[in-house]
Structures are given as structure tokens and as C-alpha cells.
Amino acid sequence: MSKLHLVFGGRVKDPQGLDFEESSIDVVGIFPDYASAEKAWRAAAQRTVDDAEMKFVVVHLHRLLEPDPNLQAGN
């Protein structure tokens, strides 16, 4: 399986946080590797560079799909 990455963003209530306003979510896309996700993230962030309330992030989907086998539920 490739290491999938999700790039999305939107308006945040606090520029230092990650509390997105649901009505403003912009899904940029899902990418097969970090390099292409980072390129898409940079492009999306650059489009909104003058708006301090807009934020874009890269989510490592592969970490959600392949959890650490050393971690056990309830610990």
C-alpha cells in the first residue's frame, strides 16, 4: 500500500489552532506520497497567504490505516 496523504484546509476560529469551521472545509485531494501532498499543500496555502484565518494541513492517512502494532487498545 502506498503512503496516502490527505490535504485539506479551511477557515479556522483561532489561527494558532486546528478548529476548522465546517462550512469552509476545502479538500484539496488525496496523494500517494508526502512529496506530492506537500506540493499541493504549498500551492493551497500560497493561494490564501494573506488570510490569517485560512489554514491547510497534510494528514498522514497511512498512519490511520496501518496503526502501530505495538499500541494496544486500552493502554
C-alpha atoms as a PDB file:
ATOM      1  CA  MET A   1       0.000   0.000   0.000  1.00  0.00           C
ATOM      2  CA  SER A   2       1.247   3.477  -0.794  1.00  0.00           C
ATOM      3  CA  LYS A   3       1.565   6.023   1.990  1.00  0.00           C
ATOM      4  CA  LEU A   4      -1.577   8.050   1.393  1.00  0.00           C
ATOM      5  CA  HIS A   5      -1.804  11.689   2.455  1.00  0.00           C
ATOM      6  CA  LEU A   6      -4.863  13.953   2.611  1.00  0.00           C
ATOM      7  CA  VAL A   7      -4.512  17.701   2.072  1.00  0.00           C
ATOM      8  CA  PHE A   8      -7.352  19.882   3.257  1.00  0.00           C
ATOM      9  CA  GLY A   9      -7.939  23.238   4.841  1.00  0.00           C
ATOM     10  CA  GLY A  10     -10.380  25.955   5.610  1.00  0.00           C
ATOM     11  CA  ARG A  11     -11.135  28.865   7.874  1.00  0.00           C
ATOM     12  CA  VAL A  12     -10.047  28.355  11.490  1.00  0.00           C
ATOM     13  CA  LYS A  13     -11.549  30.048  14.531  1.00  0.00           C
ATOM     14  CA  ASP A  14      -8.077  30.625  16.017  1.00  0.00           C
ATOM     15  CA  PRO A  15      -5.064  30.931  13.656  1.00  0.00           C
ATOM     16  CA  GLN A  16      -2.920  29.024  16.163  1.00  0.00           C
ATOM     17  CA  GLY A  17      -5.347  26.091  16.360  1.00  0.00           C
ATOM     18  CA  LEU A  18      -6.954  23.465  14.174  1.00  0.00           C
ATOM     19  CA  ASP A  19     -10.621  24.122  14.961  1.00  0.00           C
ATOM     20  CA  PHE A  20     -11.983  24.407  11.405  1.00  0.00           C
ATOM     21  CA  GLU A  21     -15.306  25.999  10.547  1.00  0.00           C
ATOM     22  CA  GLU A  22     -17.113  23.065   8.923  1.00  0.00           C
ATOM     23  CA  SER A  23     -18.773  25.203   6.249  1.00  0.00           C
ATOM     24  CA  SER A  24     -15.382  26.323   4.916  1.00  0.00           C
ATOM     25  CA  ILE A  25     -13.626  22.944   4.514  1.00  0.00           C
ATOM     26  CA  ASP A  26     -11.711  22.688   1.230  1.00  0.00           C
ATOM     27  CA  VAL A  27     -10.480  19.185   0.370  1.00  0.00           C
ATOM     28  CA  VAL A  28      -7.508  19.595  -1.947  1.00  0.00           C
ATOM     29  CA  GLY A  29      -7.036  15.881  -2.521  1.00  0.00           C
ATOM     30  CA  ILE A  30      -5.506  12.544  -1.553  1.00  0.00           C
ATOM     31  CA  PHE A  31      -1.938  11.920  -2.661  1.00  0.00           C
ATOM     32  CA  PRO A  32       0.182   8.749  -2.930  1.00  0.00           C
ATOM     33  CA  ASP A  33       3.271  10.189  -1.250  1.00  0.00           C
ATOM     34  CA  TYR A  34       4.343  13.019   1.030  1.00  0.00           C
ATOM     35  CA  ALA A  35       6.225  14.913  -1.676  1.00  0.00           C
ATOM     36  CA  SER A  36       3.150  15.359  -3.866  1.00  0.00           C
ATOM     37  CA  ALA A  37       0.981  16.151  -0.828  1.00  0.00           C
ATOM     38  CA  GLU A  38       3.459  18.803   0.286  1.00  0.00           C
ATOM     39  CA  LYS A  39       3.463  20.349  -3.178  1.00  0.00           C
ATOM     40  CA  ALA A  40      -0.348  20.547  -3.149  1.00  0.00           C
ATOM     41  CA  TRP A  41      -0.322  21.902   0.418  1.00  0.00           C
ATOM     42  CA  ARG A  42       2.151  24.656  -0.534  1.00  0.00           C
ATOM     43  CA  ALA A  43       0.047  25.657  -3.538  1.00  0.00           C
ATOM     44  CA  ALA A  44      -3.169  25.790  -1.487  1.00  0.00           C
ATOM     45  CA  ALA A  45      -1.530  27.702   1.353  1.00  0.00           C
ATOM     46  CA  GLN A  46       0.038  30.170  -1.073  1.00  0.00           C
ATOM     47  CA  ARG A  47      -3.365  30.973  -2.587  1.00  0.00           C
ATOM     48  CA  THR A  48      -4.580  32.146   0.838  1.00  0.00           C
ATOM     49  CA  VAL A  49      -1.337  33.529   2.277  1.00  0.00           C
ATOM     50  CA  ASP A  50      -2.902  36.932   3.012  1.00  0.00           C
ATOM     51  CA  ASP A  51      -5.783  35.445   5.042  1.00  0.00           C
ATOM     52  CA  ALA A  52      -4.561  34.576   8.555  1.00  0.00           C
ATOM     53  CA  GLU A  53      -7.738  32.626   9.280  1.00  0.00           C
ATOM     54  CA  MET A  54      -7.179  30.137   6.439  1.00  0.00           C
ATOM     55  CA  LYS A  55      -5.054  27.081   7.136  1.00  0.00           C
ATOM     56  CA  PHE A  56      -4.174  23.968   5.143  1.00  0.00           C
ATOM     57  CA  VAL A  57      -2.777  20.743   6.590  1.00  0.00           C
ATOM     58  CA  VAL A  58      -1.369  17.385   5.476  1.00  0.00           C
ATOM     59  CA  VAL A  59      -2.885  14.327   7.185  1.00  0.00           C
ATOM     60  CA  HIS A  60      -0.921  11.065   7.090  1.00  0.00           C
ATOM     61  CA  LEU A  61      -3.780   8.711   6.166  1.00  0.00           C
ATOM     62  CA  HIS A  62      -1.464   5.719   6.030  1.00  0.00           C
ATOM     63  CA  ARG A  63      -0.909   6.081   9.785  1.00  0.00           C
ATOM     64  CA  LEU A  64      -4.643   5.782  10.357  1.00  0.00           C
ATOM     65  CA  LEU A  65      -4.937   2.790   8.027  1.00  0.00           C
ATOM     66  CA  GLU A  66      -1.904   1.000   9.473  1.00  0.00           C
ATOM     67  CA  PRO A  67      -1.871   1.685  13.202  1.00  0.00           C
ATOM     68  CA  ASP A  68       1.223   0.916  15.245  1.00  0.00           C
ATOM     69  CA  PRO A  69       1.010  -2.808  16.147  1.00  0.00           C
ATOM     70  CA  ASN A  70       2.871  -2.071  19.398  1.00  0.00           C
ATOM     71  CA  LEU A  71      -0.033   0.023  20.660  1.00  0.00           C
ATOM     72  CA  GLN A  72      -2.934  -1.836  22.217  1.00  0.00           C
ATOM     73  CA  ALA A  73      -6.421  -0.506  22.853  1.00  0.00           C
ATOM     74  CA  GLY A  74      -6.984   0.494  26.442  1.00  0.00           C
ATOM     75  CA  ASN A  75      -3.327   1.219  27.247  1.00  0.00           C
END
